[in-house]
Every structure is written in C-alpha cells, then in structure tokens.
Protein backbone atom coordinates (compact mmCIF):
# COMPACT_ATOMS: atom_id res chain seq x y z
CA MET A 1 104.78 99.52 114.04
CA LYS A 2 107.91 97.72 112.75
CA LEU A 3 108.52 98.19 109.07
CA ILE A 4 112.05 96.88 108.55
CA LYS A 5 113.90 94.18 110.45
CA GLY A 6 117.43 95.20 111.27
CA ALA A 7 120.48 93.06 110.54
CA LYS A 8 123.15 92.64 113.18
CA GLY A 9 125.68 95.38 113.51
CA VAL A 10 126.56 98.62 115.31
CA ALA A 11 127.03 102.01 113.74
CA VAL A 12 129.17 104.46 115.65
CA VAL A 13 129.34 108.12 114.74
CA GLY A 14 129.69 111.55 116.25
CA PHE A 15 132.41 110.95 118.70
CA PRO A 16 134.74 113.70 119.85
CA ASN A 17 137.45 113.49 117.16
CA PRO A 18 135.99 115.27 114.10
CA GLY A 19 138.64 113.90 111.76
CA PHE A 20 137.94 110.26 112.62
CA THR A 21 136.32 108.11 109.91
CA LEU A 22 134.44 105.07 111.14
CA HIS A 23 134.33 101.61 109.64
CA SER A 24 131.26 99.43 109.68
CA PRO A 25 131.05 96.13 111.59
CA LEU A 26 128.40 95.21 108.98
CA LEU A 27 131.17 95.28 106.42
CA HIS A 28 133.11 92.84 108.57
CA SER A 29 135.63 95.39 109.71
CA ASN A 30 137.69 94.34 112.72
CA LYS A 31 138.68 97.88 113.54
CA VAL A 32 137.38 99.18 116.83
CA PRO A 33 137.13 102.91 117.55
CA GLU A 34 139.64 104.13 120.09
CA TRP A 35 137.58 105.94 122.69
CA GLU A 36 139.18 108.35 125.10
CA PRO A 37 139.78 106.81 128.52
CA GLY A 38 136.68 106.96 130.69
CA PHE A 39 134.41 107.97 127.82
CA GLU A 40 131.10 106.05 127.80
CA PRO A 41 129.17 106.48 124.55
CA GLU A 42 125.38 106.50 124.61
CA LYS A 43 123.95 103.67 122.52
CA LEU A 44 120.61 104.41 120.87
CA CYS A 45 118.62 102.72 118.14
CA ILE A 46 117.08 104.95 115.48
CA ASP A 47 113.64 105.06 117.08
CA ASP A 48 115.04 106.15 120.43
CA MET A 49 117.30 108.70 118.80
CA LEU A 50 114.28 110.19 117.04
CA ASP A 51 112.32 110.21 120.27
CA VAL A 52 115.02 111.61 122.55
CA TYR A 53 117.08 113.96 120.40
CA CYS A 54 115.83 114.50 116.83
CA GLY A 55 112.05 114.80 117.13
CA GLU A 56 109.49 112.26 115.98
CA PHE A 57 107.65 114.35 113.39
CA GLY A 58 109.03 117.81 112.85
CA SER A 59 109.50 120.01 109.81
CA TRP A 60 112.10 117.67 108.26
CA GLN A 61 109.85 114.62 108.49
CA LEU A 62 106.83 116.59 107.25
CA ARG A 63 108.62 117.80 104.12
CA HIS A 64 110.13 114.39 103.45
CA PHE A 65 106.81 112.64 104.11
CA VAL A 66 104.89 114.83 101.65
CA LEU A 67 107.50 114.59 98.89
CA THR A 68 107.81 110.83 99.24
CA SER A 69 104.09 110.15 99.58
CA LEU A 70 103.37 112.02 96.36
CA ALA A 71 104.44 108.78 94.67
CA TRP A 72 101.12 107.29 95.83
CA ALA A 73 99.40 109.69 93.43
CA LEU A 74 101.48 108.19 90.62
CA GLU A 75 100.31 104.72 91.60
CA ALA A 76 96.71 105.92 91.51
CA LEU A 77 97.18 107.31 87.99
CA HIS A 78 98.55 104.05 86.62
CA THR A 79 96.05 101.92 88.51
CA MET A 80 92.79 103.76 87.93
CA VAL A 81 93.51 104.91 84.39
CA MET A 82 91.71 101.71 83.35
CA ILE A 83 88.42 103.30 84.45
CA PHE A 84 88.61 105.75 81.55
CA ALA A 85 90.76 103.83 79.07
CA ASP A 86 88.63 100.66 79.24
CA ARG A 87 85.22 102.30 79.51
CA GLU A 88 82.29 101.50 77.23
CA PRO A 89 81.10 104.86 75.89
CA ASP A 90 77.62 105.73 74.66
CA TRP A 91 76.54 104.81 71.16
CA ARG A 92 73.88 106.02 68.74
CA CYS A 93 71.98 104.69 65.76
CA VAL A 94 72.96 105.94 62.31
CA LYS A 95 70.61 103.66 60.34
CA ARG A 96 67.22 102.74 61.77
CA LEU A 97 65.08 101.33 58.96
CA GLY A 98 65.56 97.60 58.53
CA SER A 99 68.56 97.45 60.84
CA GLY A 100 66.88 96.69 64.15
CA CYS A 101 68.35 99.84 65.66
CA GLY A 102 65.64 101.80 67.42
CA GLU A 103 64.78 103.86 70.48
CA ASN A 104 63.99 100.82 72.65
CA VAL A 105 67.28 99.04 71.90
CA THR A 106 69.63 99.19 74.90
CA SER A 107 72.54 97.10 73.61
CA VAL A 108 74.58 96.97 70.42
CA CYS A 109 74.64 93.18 70.61
CA GLY A 110 72.78 91.77 67.64
CA LEU A 111 72.65 95.00 65.65
CA GLU A 112 73.83 95.05 62.07
CA PRO A 113 77.32 96.45 61.46
CA GLY A 114 77.12 100.01 60.23
CA SER A 115 73.73 100.67 61.80
CA TRP A 116 75.29 102.28 64.87
CA GLU A 117 78.45 104.10 65.92
CA TRP A 118 80.31 105.01 69.10
CA GLU A 119 80.03 108.53 70.44
CA GLY A 120 83.51 110.01 70.56
CA GLY A 121 84.87 107.87 67.77
CA SER A 122 86.37 104.41 67.50
CA GLU A 123 89.53 105.38 69.41
CA SER A 124 87.91 106.85 72.49
CA SER A 125 88.64 103.69 74.53
CA THR A 126 90.08 100.20 74.18
CA VAL A 127 86.53 98.85 74.10
CA THR A 128 85.71 100.82 70.96
CA GLN A 129 89.16 100.21 69.46
CA TRP A 130 88.96 96.42 69.57
CA GLY A 131 85.23 95.78 69.95
CA LEU A 132 85.34 94.49 73.53
CA VAL A 133 81.56 94.23 73.91
CA CYS A 134 78.96 91.48 74.04
CA GLY A 135 80.81 88.14 73.94
CA GLN A 136 84.20 89.89 74.18
CA LYS A 137 83.39 91.91 77.28
CA TYR A 138 85.23 89.50 79.58
CA LYS A 139 88.49 90.69 78.01
CA VAL A 140 88.08 94.02 79.78
CA GLY A 141 87.96 92.32 83.16
CA LEU A 142 90.85 90.06 82.19
CA VAL A 143 93.24 92.88 81.38
CA GLN A 144 92.37 94.65 84.61
CA ALA A 145 92.78 91.46 86.64
CA LEU A 146 96.20 90.85 85.08
CA PHE A 147 97.23 94.37 85.99
CA PHE A 148 96.59 93.60 89.66
CA ALA A 149 98.36 90.25 89.27
CA GLY A 150 101.37 92.21 88.03
CA CYS A 151 101.09 94.45 91.09
CA THR A 152 101.23 91.39 93.32
CA ILE A 153 104.45 90.14 91.73
CA GLY A 154 106.02 93.58 91.55
CA ALA A 155 105.41 94.32 95.21
CA GLY A 156 107.41 91.23 96.18
CA VAL A 157 110.25 91.91 93.74
CA PHE A 158 110.70 95.60 94.52
CA GLY A 159 110.23 94.96 98.23
CA ARG A 160 113.35 92.83 98.12
CA LEU A 161 115.19 95.26 95.87
CA SER A 162 114.52 98.12 98.29
CA ASP A 163 116.38 96.12 100.95
CA SER A 164 119.28 95.41 98.57
CA ASP A 165 122.12 97.57 97.29
CA ILE A 166 119.87 99.97 95.37
CA GLY A 167 117.98 101.00 98.53
CA ARG A 168 114.53 102.44 99.01
CA LYS A 169 115.25 105.58 96.99
CA GLY A 170 116.88 103.62 94.18
CA ALA A 171 113.90 101.25 94.01
CA LEU A 172 111.54 104.22 93.85
CA LYS A 173 113.54 105.65 90.97
CA ALA A 174 113.40 102.33 89.15
CA VAL A 175 109.62 101.96 89.41
CA CYS A 176 109.08 105.55 88.23
CA ILE A 177 111.25 104.92 85.17
CA LEU A 178 109.50 101.64 84.37
CA ASN A 179 106.05 103.16 84.89
CA ALA A 180 106.83 105.97 82.48
CA ILE A 181 108.22 103.56 79.86
CA PHE A 182 105.45 100.97 80.09
CA GLY A 183 102.75 103.65 80.26
CA CYS A 184 103.94 105.36 77.09
CA LEU A 185 104.41 102.03 75.29
CA THR A 186 100.85 101.07 76.21
CA SER A 187 99.58 104.03 74.22
CA LEU A 188 101.19 102.47 71.14
CA ALA A 189 99.68 99.00 71.57
CA PRO A 190 98.58 97.79 68.11
CA ASP A 191 96.30 95.01 69.34
CA TYR A 192 94.56 93.65 72.42
CA PHE A 193 97.17 91.04 73.36
CA THR A 194 100.02 93.58 73.24
CA TYR A 195 97.89 95.85 75.39
CA LEU A 196 97.30 92.96 77.81
CA LEU A 197 101.04 92.33 78.15
CA LEU A 198 101.93 95.99 78.62
CA ARG A 199 99.25 96.44 81.30
CA PHE A 200 100.66 93.44 83.15
CA LEU A 201 104.15 94.96 82.99
CA THR A 202 102.79 98.32 84.13
CA GLY A 203 101.17 96.55 87.07
CA PHE A 204 104.51 94.89 87.85
CA SER A 205 106.24 98.26 88.20
CA THR A 206 103.26 99.97 89.82
CA GLY A 207 103.18 97.35 92.56
CA GLY A 208 106.49 98.66 93.85
CA VAL A 209 105.55 102.35 93.92
CA GLY A 210 103.36 102.39 97.01
CA LEU A 211 105.57 99.93 98.87
CA CYS A 212 108.82 101.86 98.29
CA SER A 213 107.10 105.16 99.00
CA PHE A 214 105.47 103.90 102.20
CA VAL A 215 108.69 102.54 103.67
CA LEU A 216 110.76 105.56 102.64
CA ALA A 217 108.18 108.00 104.03
CA THR A 218 107.59 106.33 107.40
CA GLU A 219 111.03 105.04 108.44
CA PRO A 220 112.37 108.48 109.50
CA VAL A 221 109.18 109.11 111.53
CA GLY A 222 109.24 108.46 115.28
CA PRO A 223 107.61 105.30 116.63
CA THR A 224 104.56 106.95 118.22
CA LYS A 225 103.77 108.97 115.07
CA ARG A 226 104.54 106.28 112.48
CA GLY A 227 101.16 104.56 112.58
CA ALA A 228 99.16 107.72 111.94
CA ALA A 229 101.62 108.82 109.25
CA GLY A 230 101.31 105.47 107.53
CA MET A 231 97.52 105.65 107.52
CA PHE A 232 97.56 109.16 106.09
CA THR A 233 99.61 108.08 103.04
CA PHE A 234 96.43 106.68 101.46
CA CYS A 235 95.11 110.24 101.11
CA PHE A 236 97.74 110.82 98.45
CA PHE A 237 96.38 107.83 96.52
CA SER A 238 92.92 109.38 96.57
CA THR A 239 94.40 112.71 95.48
CA GLY A 240 95.88 110.93 92.47
CA ILE A 241 92.45 109.53 91.57
CA ALA A 242 90.93 113.01 91.73
CA LEU A 243 93.76 114.32 89.53
CA LEU A 244 93.11 111.51 87.06
CA ALA A 245 89.51 112.65 86.61
CA GLY A 246 90.79 116.03 85.41
CA ILE A 247 93.46 114.53 83.15
CA ALA A 248 90.92 112.20 81.55
CA TYR A 249 88.63 115.14 80.88
CA VAL A 250 91.40 116.98 79.04
CA PHE A 251 92.62 113.87 77.17
CA PRO A 252 89.47 111.92 76.19
CA THR A 253 91.09 109.30 73.91
CA TRP A 254 92.72 106.29 75.54
CA ARG A 255 96.10 106.57 73.78
CA ASP A 256 96.55 110.22 74.75
CA LEU A 257 95.39 109.42 78.26
CA TYR A 258 98.08 106.78 78.79
CA VAL A 259 100.77 109.24 77.74
CA ALA A 260 99.33 112.01 79.93
CA SER A 261 99.09 109.70 82.96
CA SER A 262 102.73 108.62 82.48
CA VAL A 263 104.24 112.11 82.26
CA PRO A 264 103.81 112.78 86.03
CA SER A 265 106.14 109.83 86.73
CA ILE A 266 108.83 111.55 84.67
CA LEU A 267 108.24 114.87 86.40
CA TYR A 268 108.39 113.20 89.80
CA LEU A 269 111.65 111.50 88.85
CA LEU A 270 113.24 114.77 87.73
CA LEU A 271 111.75 117.33 90.11
CA VAL A 272 110.98 115.53 93.38
CA ILE A 273 113.21 112.51 93.93
CA PRO A 274 116.44 114.60 94.02
CA PHE A 275 115.08 116.28 97.16
CA ILE A 276 114.25 113.00 98.91
CA SER A 277 116.71 111.44 101.36
CA GLU A 278 117.55 107.77 101.56
CA SER A 279 116.37 105.96 104.68
CA PRO A 280 118.84 106.23 107.59
CA ARG A 281 117.79 102.73 108.64
CA TRP A 282 118.84 101.35 105.24
CA TYR A 283 122.22 103.11 105.53
CA LEU A 284 122.65 101.62 108.98
CA VAL A 285 121.79 98.09 107.88
CA ARG A 286 124.22 98.43 104.96
CA GLY A 287 126.95 99.58 107.34
CA GLU A 288 127.13 103.16 106.04
CA MET A 289 126.87 104.71 109.47
CA ASN A 290 128.35 108.08 108.54
CA GLU A 291 125.60 108.64 105.98
CA ALA A 292 122.96 107.53 108.49
CA MET A 293 124.21 109.96 111.10
CA ILE A 294 124.36 112.81 108.60
CA ILE A 295 120.62 112.35 108.06
CA MET A 296 119.93 112.11 111.80
CA HIS A 297 121.85 115.35 112.39
CA ALA A 298 119.88 117.00 109.56
CA ILE A 299 116.59 115.86 111.11
CA ALA A 300 117.57 117.22 114.52
CA LYS A 301 118.79 120.55 113.13
CA SER A 302 115.72 121.08 110.94
CA ASN A 303 113.43 120.27 113.86
CA GLY A 304 115.20 122.79 116.11
CA ASN A 305 116.84 120.11 118.24
CA ASN A 306 120.41 119.15 118.97
CA LEU A 307 121.97 115.73 118.49
CA PRO A 308 124.99 115.74 120.82
CA GLU A 309 128.33 114.20 119.94
CA GLY A 310 129.23 110.98 121.65
CA VAL A 311 125.90 109.33 120.79
CA ILE A 312 126.20 105.89 119.25
CA LEU A 313 123.74 104.86 116.57
CA ALA A 314 123.03 101.13 116.70
CA LEU A 315 120.68 98.66 115.11
CA ASP A 316 117.84 97.47 117.30
CA ASP A 317 119.26 94.09 118.22
CA GLU A 318 122.64 95.59 119.10
CA VAL A 319 121.40 97.91 121.81
CA ILE A 320 122.54 96.07 124.93
CA ASP A 321 121.94 98.71 127.55
CA ALA A 322 118.98 97.55 129.65
CA SER A 323 117.57 101.05 129.70
CA ASN A 324 117.16 100.90 125.95
CA GLU A 325 115.42 97.51 125.84
CA ASN A 326 111.94 98.82 125.19
CA GLN A 327 109.30 98.33 122.55
CA SER A 328 110.78 100.82 120.13
CA CYS A 329 114.09 98.96 120.05
CA SER A 330 113.05 95.37 120.64
CA GLN A 331 113.94 92.90 117.91
CA GLU A 332 110.92 90.83 117.00
CA GLU A 333 111.12 87.09 116.52
CA THR A 334 109.86 85.61 113.30
CA GLY A 335 107.84 82.48 112.81
CA SER A 336 106.07 80.48 110.14
CA MET A 337 102.63 79.09 109.37
CA GLY A 338 103.54 76.08 111.48
CA ASP A 339 103.82 78.32 114.52
CA VAL A 340 100.42 79.84 113.77
CA SER A 341 98.81 76.41 113.79
CA ARG A 342 99.88 75.71 117.38
CA SER A 343 97.12 77.83 118.88
CA PRO A 344 93.42 77.42 117.98
CA ALA A 345 92.77 81.08 118.84
CA ILE A 346 95.57 82.24 116.54
CA ARG A 347 94.33 80.01 113.72
CA ILE A 348 90.82 81.44 113.97
CA GLN A 349 92.08 85.02 114.07
CA LEU A 350 94.29 84.40 111.07
CA PHE A 351 91.37 82.98 109.08
CA LEU A 352 89.17 85.94 110.03
CA SER A 353 91.88 88.48 109.19
CA VAL A 354 92.59 86.90 105.82
CA ALA A 355 88.87 86.78 104.98
CA ILE A 356 88.31 90.42 105.98
CA ASN A 357 91.31 91.62 103.96
CA PHE A 358 90.01 89.69 100.95
CA THR A 359 86.42 90.99 101.10
CA CYS A 360 87.56 94.54 101.86
CA SER A 361 89.82 94.58 98.80
CA VAL A 362 87.07 93.19 96.55
CA VAL A 363 84.70 95.95 97.64
CA TYR A 364 87.21 98.82 97.65
CA TYR A 365 88.62 98.20 94.18
CA GLY A 366 85.29 96.92 92.90
CA ILE A 367 83.37 100.09 93.76
CA SER A 368 86.19 102.20 92.33
CA LEU A 369 85.98 100.38 88.99
CA ASN A 370 82.20 99.97 89.02
CA VAL A 371 81.63 103.64 88.18
CA VAL A 372 81.59 102.54 84.53
CA ASN A 373 78.27 100.76 85.21
CA LEU A 374 76.51 103.73 86.85
CA GLU A 375 75.59 105.44 83.56
CA THR A 376 76.36 108.84 85.06
CA ASN A 377 79.07 111.39 84.29
CA LEU A 378 82.21 109.26 84.65
CA HIS A 379 84.54 112.12 85.58
CA LEU A 380 82.19 113.39 88.27
CA SER A 381 81.69 109.88 89.66
CA VAL A 382 85.44 109.27 89.96
CA LEU A 383 85.99 112.66 91.58
CA LEU A 384 83.18 112.10 94.07
CA ASN A 385 84.57 108.70 95.05
CA ALA A 386 88.05 110.19 95.52
CA VAL A 387 86.73 112.89 97.85
CA ALA A 388 84.78 110.26 99.81
CA GLU A 389 87.97 108.22 100.20
CA MET A 390 89.98 111.18 101.47
CA LEU A 391 87.32 111.95 104.06
CA ALA A 392 87.24 108.31 105.16
CA PHE A 393 91.03 108.09 105.49
CA THR A 394 91.15 111.27 107.57
CA ILE A 395 88.23 110.37 109.83
CA THR A 396 89.43 106.84 110.60
CA THR A 397 92.93 108.12 111.36
CA VAL A 398 91.45 110.47 113.96
CA LEU A 399 88.91 108.01 115.42
CA LEU A 400 91.06 104.87 115.51
CA ASP A 401 92.48 105.49 118.98
CA ARG A 402 89.24 106.95 120.31
CA PHE A 403 86.68 104.26 119.52
CA GLY A 404 88.93 101.25 119.02
CA ARG A 405 89.71 98.95 116.13
CA LYS A 406 86.87 96.44 116.38
CA PRO A 407 83.92 98.90 116.44
CA LEU A 408 85.37 100.78 113.46
CA ALA A 409 86.04 97.57 111.53
CA ILE A 410 82.46 96.41 112.04
CA GLY A 411 80.82 99.79 111.57
CA THR A 412 82.66 100.84 108.41
CA GLN A 413 82.08 97.53 106.64
CA TRP A 414 78.39 97.37 107.50
CA PHE A 415 77.99 101.03 106.59
CA SER A 416 79.45 100.22 103.17
CA ALA A 417 77.30 97.08 102.84
CA ILE A 418 74.04 98.94 103.52
CA PHE A 419 74.64 101.49 100.78
CA CYS A 420 75.90 98.88 98.31
CA LEU A 421 72.69 96.90 98.78
CA MET A 422 70.69 100.10 98.37
CA GLY A 423 72.59 100.76 95.14
CA CYS A 424 71.67 97.27 93.99
CA LEU A 425 67.98 98.16 94.34
CA ALA A 426 68.25 101.54 92.59
CA GLY A 427 67.53 101.71 88.89
CA ASN A 428 69.35 103.51 86.09
CA VAL A 429 66.59 105.96 85.19
CA GLY A 430 66.24 109.60 86.18
CA ILE A 431 66.79 110.42 89.83
CA TRP A 432 67.70 106.79 90.54
CA LYS A 433 71.00 107.33 88.74
CA VAL A 434 71.90 110.05 91.22
CA ILE A 435 70.84 107.84 94.13
CA LYS A 436 73.00 104.99 92.82
CA LEU A 437 75.92 107.38 92.40
CA CYS A 438 75.57 108.54 96.02
CA CYS A 439 75.25 104.94 97.21
CA GLY A 440 78.51 104.10 95.48
CA ALA A 441 80.28 107.08 97.03
CA LEU A 442 79.01 106.22 100.52
CA GLY A 443 79.88 102.57 99.94
CA ILE A 444 83.48 103.38 99.10
CA PHE A 445 83.56 105.86 102.01
CA GLY A 446 82.85 103.03 104.45
CA MET A 447 85.18 100.48 102.88
CA ALA A 448 88.02 102.97 102.46
CA GLY A 449 87.77 103.56 106.21
CA THR A 450 88.16 99.82 106.77
CA TYR A 451 91.03 99.60 104.30
CA ASN A 452 92.85 102.43 106.06
CA MET A 453 92.91 100.85 109.52
CA LEU A 454 93.10 97.18 108.56
CA PHE A 455 96.90 96.96 108.41
CA ILE A 456 97.31 98.29 111.94
CA TYR A 457 94.49 96.14 113.29
CA THR A 458 95.87 92.99 111.65
CA ALA A 459 99.36 93.65 113.02
CA GLU A 460 98.05 94.14 116.55
CA LEU A 461 96.06 90.91 116.52
CA PHE A 462 99.12 88.68 116.51
CA PRO A 463 102.11 88.24 118.82
CA ALA A 464 105.48 89.29 117.45
CA VAL A 465 106.63 85.75 116.70
CA VAL A 466 104.00 85.22 113.99
CA ARG A 467 103.12 88.81 113.13
CA ASN A 468 105.05 89.00 109.86
CA THR A 469 103.60 85.68 108.72
CA ALA A 470 100.06 86.82 109.50
CA LEU A 471 100.56 90.18 107.78
CA GLY A 472 101.98 88.47 104.72
CA SER A 473 98.98 86.14 104.51
CA ALA A 474 96.52 89.02 104.92
CA THR A 475 98.32 91.09 102.27
CA GLN A 476 98.21 88.22 99.79
CA ALA A 477 94.49 87.83 100.44
CA ALA A 478 93.96 91.53 99.74
CA GLN A 479 95.87 91.19 96.47
CA MET A 480 93.67 88.26 95.46
CA GLY A 481 90.63 90.41 96.18
CA ALA A 482 91.99 93.16 93.91
CA ILE A 483 92.46 90.62 91.10
CA LEU A 484 88.88 89.37 91.49
CA ALA A 485 87.27 92.83 91.67
CA PRO A 486 87.43 93.66 87.91
CA LEU A 487 85.84 90.31 87.06
CA VAL A 488 82.92 91.18 89.33
CA VAL A 489 82.53 94.60 87.69
CA VAL A 490 82.29 93.00 84.24
CA LEU A 491 79.06 91.28 85.38
CA GLY A 492 77.38 94.69 85.07
CA ARG A 493 73.90 95.88 86.03
CA LEU A 494 72.78 94.87 89.55
CA LEU A 495 75.20 92.06 90.36
CA PRO A 496 78.34 94.07 91.29
CA PHE A 497 76.57 96.09 94.00
CA LEU A 498 74.97 92.90 95.30
CA VAL A 499 78.36 91.16 95.56
CA PHE A 500 79.92 94.20 97.24
CA GLY A 501 77.08 94.44 99.74
CA LEU A 502 77.34 90.76 100.68
CA CYS A 503 81.12 91.05 101.04
CA GLY A 504 80.68 94.01 103.39
CA LEU A 505 78.13 92.14 105.50
CA VAL A 506 80.33 89.05 105.74
CA GLY A 507 83.44 91.10 106.50
CA GLY A 508 81.68 92.99 109.29
CA LEU A 509 80.37 89.72 110.71
CA PHE A 510 83.88 88.26 110.75
CA ALA A 511 85.21 91.38 112.49
CA PHE A 512 82.59 90.88 115.20
CA TYR A 513 84.48 87.73 116.33
CA LEU A 514 87.86 89.45 116.54
CA PRO A 515 89.15 90.85 119.86
CA GLU A 516 89.68 94.54 120.52
CA THR A 517 93.37 95.47 120.44
CA LEU A 518 93.31 99.11 121.53
CA ASN A 519 95.74 99.54 124.45
CA LYS A 520 96.17 95.76 124.67
CA PRO A 521 99.51 94.10 123.93
CA THR A 522 99.47 91.76 120.90
CA GLY A 523 95.69 91.68 120.70
CA GLY A 524 95.07 90.61 124.26
CA ILE A 525 96.21 87.03 123.63
CA GLU A 526 99.55 87.21 125.41
CA GLU A 527 98.44 84.54 127.86
CA GLU A 528 98.49 81.92 125.11
CA ARG A 529 102.08 82.54 124.09
CA ALA A 530 103.47 79.77 126.30
CA ASP A 531 101.36 77.16 124.52
CA TRP A 532 102.95 77.61 121.11
CA ARG A 533 106.17 79.58 121.55
CA ILE A 534 108.90 78.59 119.13
CA THR A 535 111.45 76.33 120.79
C-alpha cells in the first residue's frame, strides 16, 4: 500500500569512507560521490531495504508504531467528547400543581419555567447551559456537524504540511498543541456561538491528528506488513473512546470535561513525541539522506539485523536496476477524474465505492453518537461500543486475507443493518432498553469491521493510474457522511436506527456488485487498462 509518493532524487549513504559527508541531489547539488575504482554500490529503495536488510516489523517498528498510534486516542477524545458534553441529561419536576408537570410528562417542552430542573445542575452539559432543547435542539447537531467539517478541512491542510518543511513529526506536534489550546478555550466559551466556533477550530486541528499519526506510524513498516499495521491503528481510536468514558465519569460537567480531555494532548506532546522518530522517507524526499540512513541503521540494529556499508538508499523512481523494479519500488502514475470516466467499469466501481464509504461513515459515527438516545447509562454504552469496535478491528484484520474483501464488506454491513433495524423496533422501557443497547453495540461492531477494511478494498479496486483519485473521492464521501451523522442523531427516537439500518442494507447491496480483489492485481480489471490509459 503506497502512502507517500516520492520526489525524484537519490540518497547515497554508508559508503566505505566514514569521514565522507554526502550532499543531496534533491538540493540540486552537482557534487558526485567519488567511489573507489571497481566499487558497485547496491541501490535499494526504502521498502526493499526494510525487506532485505532491516526487517519489516521488528522491535523498532513495534515500539515506534505504538508510540505514534497513541495519537489516535487523542483524536478519539476530542471527537467523541461531544457525546458527554452535548448530552441531554435527565430532568425532574419541582412544582407539579398547576404547572402541567406530572408523572406522564416525557418532555420539558411546553412546561412552565421553574416547574422543572435538570439533574446534575445547569452546567452539566451545553444543552442545559444554553437550553438546547425543543426548538433549539438542532443546534446540537449543527455544532457536531461543524466539528466534522473542520476535520475535513484540517486533514487536507495538515496532510500538505506533513509533506512540507515541518515534516510528519512537526505536523503531529502542531496538531497536539492546537488541540490542547482549542480544547481548553472551549471550556471557557461564554455562549453558544463561541462554542460553535471553537468546536470547528478543534475539528480543524483534530483532522490532522489521525492522518499525521497514520503516515508516521506506517512508513517505517515493511511493505508486506504495512496494510495490517494500518488497519490495526483504529484500535487505538477505540481505546481512546473507552478512556473517554472513564474521564467523563470523573469529570461530569462539560467545562471540566473539555479541560480533562485536552490534558492528554499536552502529556503526549511532552512525554511521547520526543521518543518518536521522523519518517526516513520524508528525510529522503527532502534530500537529508544522512538522517534517513541513521534511522535505517537504527531499525536494522534494533531488529537484530545488519545494514552493510556500500548500500545506496534511493527514492522509488530512481532505482534503475532491473532487479529492483518490483511492486514495492514501482512509482505509480497519477490520473484525474477524466481518466476515470474513460472506462464504464471504472465509473461504476467508483460510484459504488463512494456510496459505500458515505453510508459506512454515516452509520459508524451515527451509532457512536446515538448512545445519547438510548436512555441507558451513557458511560456504559460508550464503553461497550468501544470494546465492540476493538473486537471488530482485530477480527477483520485477521480475516481479511482469509475470506476476501467482498464477502466481508457485504457481511459486515448487513450484519450491522440487521441489528440497527432490530434496535429501531425495540422500545425504551424495561428490558427493551438493554436490547436496544446490545443492538447498537452489535451494529457498530459490524460497521466498524467495514470501516476497517474499506480503505484497503477501495485502493485495490482501481489501477494505479487512477488509484489516488478514487481514494480521494471515497475519503471525501466518508467525510460528508461524518458531517451528516450528527444531524441524523438529532432526529431522536426510532428514526436514527432506521436510517442506519437502511444505510447498511444499501451499502451491502452496493458491495455485492463490486469484484473480489484478494490476490488479484488492481481489482481484476487489468484487461481494461488499454482502453483508457493516459496518453
């Protein structure tokens, strides 16, 4: 799975003279290393060097992967804190006679002011703070939707910054600082519109956390292990959700909760990031080949291997030795939407992939946020969903190469749809509350499994020339689904589960018309390449 496209250039390090300092062709240096007569250096791209000499996933990569992926837990804290901060708590009557407040009243709408009060006080959540109920309830969905809109913008901005001079590690530092600042400022919001703005800004910075973490964690991993490692990063997101349930229990008021959920970003910045290495691929692209090779030597040494001197580190498109022209080093072509339109089969697969990514995102984020409508213990519901997600991520990672992409895509979505529709039929009284809670957990179990394998499946469906375009379109569709999900949750009662169930059914039906890609190059559509190849 290609994560970063390499720029042109060759990095040369580790040759016999230990006092020699190399200069980067990427920095437009015209100096050429003076090799000893008859010496033939071995040119290897990073993936081949990991495979042949350093080790694809040893102790170095494991430590680095865990430390870097912990940032996903930070993203979960800032994303899902809205479940507790924007909840509508229980209320009770304080004046019954002549006020209309009685045992059979299920809503505060229409009750006289002063005849009822919120349990936990007026500052337990933003809903109680600013009266976001009845005709103002849509404002809760709006602030959550704008948070995800901020995530969409931030992912694009910090994705570019991570490729710039600040690097992946620098971008990760920046988003942690911004998250901590915006999170703490949110706790001081004096009114709803200030809160709305700060949540949008928090979403902007949060959108870069997972992206920077994912790239930084997976780039030093060997090519055959990178896919599984990438899928497993989502487990850290679920761990963050489980941690949030405990934090929210300790800090029940929304202002304290925002501060408490921002402190881990500061701790991560101070205690973890100093022990994280920058990506060797980024060093190589920037022309800092000595730094790249230092990391490669550290990987080899930590993994109990030896990286011999005289090995040349080169970017993928600079490896000219025919023996190195394989899939791990091949430079992929890039195309546009115009290239996608040249093949009817590609157009159909793109439409299906975009639709599935959209519906999957609506259901995944929707069920996560819909716990506020279950009328059960909110902390227990969030914890149960987090555990269900972790199980789904682990199981799909193991089963993906055993049963194939298409059966899992269909099965997980329909599994989720069945339990969402069952939850729609369950009531909110007695044992039915428990049944609805279990239906929600099983629903998110199925859709989390889909979410986990969808990136790999989407990438494999398209030939290299349009793969980045297709992935970009699918990612944007998923982001649109995340923005829509809170607005569905605001509908309350039976409608959210009904929408989630229908989305799961439609998504599974769309997946039925996609080809299987397991052990098939570019989704088994290689024969059509000649009809629309870029000329």
